[in-house]
C-alpha atoms as a PDB file:
ATOM      1  CA  MET A   1      37.227 -29.754 -25.095  1.00  0.00           C
ATOM      2  CA  ILE A   2      38.753 -33.238 -25.042  1.00  0.00           C
ATOM      3  CA  LEU A   3      41.430 -32.034 -22.656  1.00  0.00           C
ATOM      4  CA  LEU A   4      38.758 -30.674 -20.293  1.00  0.00           C
ATOM      5  CA  ALA A   5      36.863 -33.984 -20.346  1.00  0.00           C
ATOM      6  CA  PHE A   6      40.083 -35.866 -19.599  1.00  0.00           C
ATOM      7  CA  LEU A   7      40.924 -33.609 -16.655  1.00  0.00           C
ATOM      8  CA  VAL A   8      37.429 -33.857 -15.145  1.00  0.00           C
ATOM      9  CA  THR A   9      37.303 -37.658 -15.329  1.00  0.00           C
ATOM     10  CA  GLY A  10      40.850 -37.915 -14.004  1.00  0.00           C
ATOM     11  CA  CYS A  11      39.992 -35.814 -10.942  1.00  0.00           C
ATOM     12  CA  ALA A  12      37.144 -38.143 -10.008  1.00  0.00           C
ATOM     13  CA  LYS A  13      39.686 -40.872  -9.212  1.00  0.00           C
ATOM     14  CA  ILE A  14      41.761 -38.741  -6.864  1.00  0.00           C
ATOM     15  CA  LYS A  15      41.294 -39.692  -3.223  1.00  0.00           C
ATOM     16  CA  PRO A  16      42.462 -37.227  -0.569  1.00  0.00           C
ATOM     17  CA  TYR A  17      45.213 -38.359   1.788  1.00  0.00           C
ATOM     18  CA  GLU A  18      43.950 -39.388   5.206  1.00  0.00           C
ATOM     19  CA  VAL A  19      46.324 -39.229   8.144  1.00  0.00           C
ATOM     20  CA  ASP A  20      46.873 -42.276  10.360  1.00  0.00           C
ATOM     21  CA  VAL A  21      45.819 -41.369  13.909  1.00  0.00           C
ATOM     22  CA  GLN A  22      47.334 -43.008  16.995  1.00  0.00           C
ATOM     23  CA  GLN A  23      46.378 -41.826  20.456  1.00  0.00           C
ATOM     24  CA  GLY A  24      47.324 -42.930  23.947  1.00  0.00           C
ATOM     25  CA  ASN A  25      49.865 -45.539  24.998  1.00  0.00           C
ATOM     26  CA  VAL A  26      50.727 -48.212  22.443  1.00  0.00           C
ATOM     27  CA  LEU A  27      49.522 -51.441  24.071  1.00  0.00           C
ATOM     28  CA  ASP A  28      51.434 -54.100  22.196  1.00  0.00           C
ATOM     29  CA  LYS A  29      50.334 -57.618  23.186  1.00  0.00           C
ATOM     30  CA  THR A  30      53.893 -58.802  23.912  1.00  0.00           C
ATOM     31  CA  VAL A  31      54.509 -55.840  26.212  1.00  0.00           C
ATOM     32  CA  VAL A  32      51.198 -56.201  28.078  1.00  0.00           C
ATOM     33  CA  GLU A  33      51.953 -59.918  28.576  1.00  0.00           C
ATOM     34  CA  GLN A  34      55.091 -58.897  30.499  1.00  0.00           C
ATOM     35  CA  LEU A  35      52.920 -57.439  33.271  1.00  0.00           C
ATOM     36  CA  HIS A  36      52.685 -59.623  36.337  1.00  0.00           C
ATOM     37  CA  LEU A  37      51.211 -59.289  39.777  1.00  0.00           C
ATOM     38  CA  GLY A  38      53.598 -57.901  42.354  1.00  0.00           C
ATOM     39  CA  MET A  39      55.336 -55.467  39.981  1.00  0.00           C
ATOM     40  CA  LYS A  40      56.248 -52.073  41.402  1.00  0.00           C
ATOM     41  CA  LYS A  41      54.623 -48.939  39.981  1.00  0.00           C
ATOM     42  CA  ALA A  42      57.975 -47.735  38.603  1.00  0.00           C
ATOM     43  CA  ASP A  43      58.483 -51.034  36.741  1.00  0.00           C
ATOM     44  CA  VAL A  44      55.007 -50.826  35.206  1.00  0.00           C
ATOM     45  CA  GLN A  45      55.617 -47.235  34.161  1.00  0.00           C
ATOM     46  CA  ASN A  46      58.952 -48.187  32.569  1.00  0.00           C
ATOM     47  CA  LEU A  47      57.175 -50.908  30.610  1.00  0.00           C
ATOM     48  CA  LEU A  48      53.975 -49.109  29.518  1.00  0.00           C
ATOM     49  CA  GLY A  49      54.760 -45.434  30.039  1.00  0.00           C
ATOM     50  CA  THR A  50      52.745 -42.891  31.983  1.00  0.00           C
ATOM     51  CA  PRO A  51      49.077 -43.881  32.278  1.00  0.00           C
ATOM     52  CA  VAL A  52      46.600 -41.922  30.170  1.00  0.00           C
ATOM     53  CA  LEU A  53      44.204 -41.661  33.097  1.00  0.00           C
ATOM     54  CA  GLY A  54      44.499 -42.008  36.814  1.00  0.00           C
ATOM     55  CA  SER A  55      41.807 -42.064  39.415  1.00  0.00           C
ATOM     56  CA  THR A  56      41.019 -38.624  40.779  1.00  0.00           C
ATOM     57  CA  PHE A  57      40.557 -39.953  44.272  1.00  0.00           C
ATOM     58  CA  ASP A  58      43.010 -42.864  44.375  1.00  0.00           C
ATOM     59  CA  ASP A  59      46.567 -43.065  43.005  1.00  0.00           C
ATOM     60  CA  ASP A  60      46.334 -46.871  42.979  1.00  0.00           C
ATOM     61  CA  ASP A  61      44.157 -47.154  39.843  1.00  0.00           C
ATOM     62  CA  TRP A  62      45.875 -46.636  36.487  1.00  0.00           C
ATOM     63  CA  PHE A  63      44.183 -46.709  33.094  1.00  0.00           C
ATOM     64  CA  TYR A  64      45.909 -47.159  29.750  1.00  0.00           C
ATOM     65  CA  ALA A  65      44.029 -46.540  26.517  1.00  0.00           C
ATOM     66  CA  TYR A  66      45.115 -46.764  22.899  1.00  0.00           C
ATOM     67  CA  THR A  67      43.286 -46.031  19.668  1.00  0.00           C
ATOM     68  CA  ASN A  68      44.599 -46.414  16.142  1.00  0.00           C
ATOM     69  CA  GLN A  69      42.945 -45.476  12.863  1.00  0.00           C
ATOM     70  CA  ILE A  70      44.762 -46.186   9.614  1.00  0.00           C
ATOM     71  CA  ASN A  71      43.886 -44.255   6.459  1.00  0.00           C
ATOM     72  CA  GLY A  72      40.427 -43.280   7.710  1.00  0.00           C
ATOM     73  CA  GLY A  73      39.451 -46.931   8.306  1.00  0.00           C
ATOM     74  CA  ARG A  74      37.930 -48.560  11.352  1.00  0.00           C
ATOM     75  CA  ILE A  75      39.204 -47.523  14.765  1.00  0.00           C
ATOM     76  CA  GLU A  76      41.130 -50.148  16.749  1.00  0.00           C
ATOM     77  CA  LYS A  77      40.751 -49.739  20.531  1.00  0.00           C
ATOM     78  CA  LYS A  78      42.698 -51.339  23.381  1.00  0.00           C
ATOM     79  CA  ASN A  79      42.355 -50.699  27.107  1.00  0.00           C
ATOM     80  CA  VAL A  80      44.179 -51.942  30.196  1.00  0.00           C
ATOM     81  CA  SER A  81      43.192 -51.129  33.750  1.00  0.00           C
ATOM     82  CA  LEU A  82      45.677 -51.728  36.574  1.00  0.00           C
ATOM     83  CA  GLU A  83      45.145 -51.712  40.315  1.00  0.00           C
ATOM     84  CA  PHE A  84      47.908 -51.303  42.882  1.00  0.00           C
ATOM     85  CA  TYR A  85      48.016 -51.874  46.628  1.00  0.00           C
ATOM     86  CA  LYS A  86      50.929 -50.521  48.684  1.00  0.00           C
ATOM     87  CA  GLY A  87      52.848 -49.797  45.494  1.00  0.00           C
ATOM     88  CA  LYS A  88      52.501 -53.307  44.045  1.00  0.00           C
ATOM     89  CA  LEU A  89      50.358 -54.467  41.102  1.00  0.00           C
ATOM     90  CA  VAL A  90      47.448 -56.556  42.387  1.00  0.00           C
ATOM     91  CA  ALA A  91      44.983 -56.636  39.455  1.00  0.00           C
ATOM     92  CA  ILE A  92      45.155 -56.462  35.651  1.00  0.00           C
ATOM     93  CA  LYS A  93      41.868 -55.928  33.827  1.00  0.00           C
END
């Protein structure tokens, strides 16, 4: 009986493992700060990777999104929107 009581109270302290979840492109601040107006699309893609979203109607709008959740905690979100004109970066939002 004592063994059963010990096992039951011990199980109450067990917390299930929660997986860390990262989605999208990692948008590290130091990498994003390397963006500058006038960059070519290929240079931006080498720096940030392939955009998560692109405009359906216009290949000159790129969207990068990143979410991270560690151990079931709060969700960290980062977004960067880029606009190109004639293959060059003209706006960072």
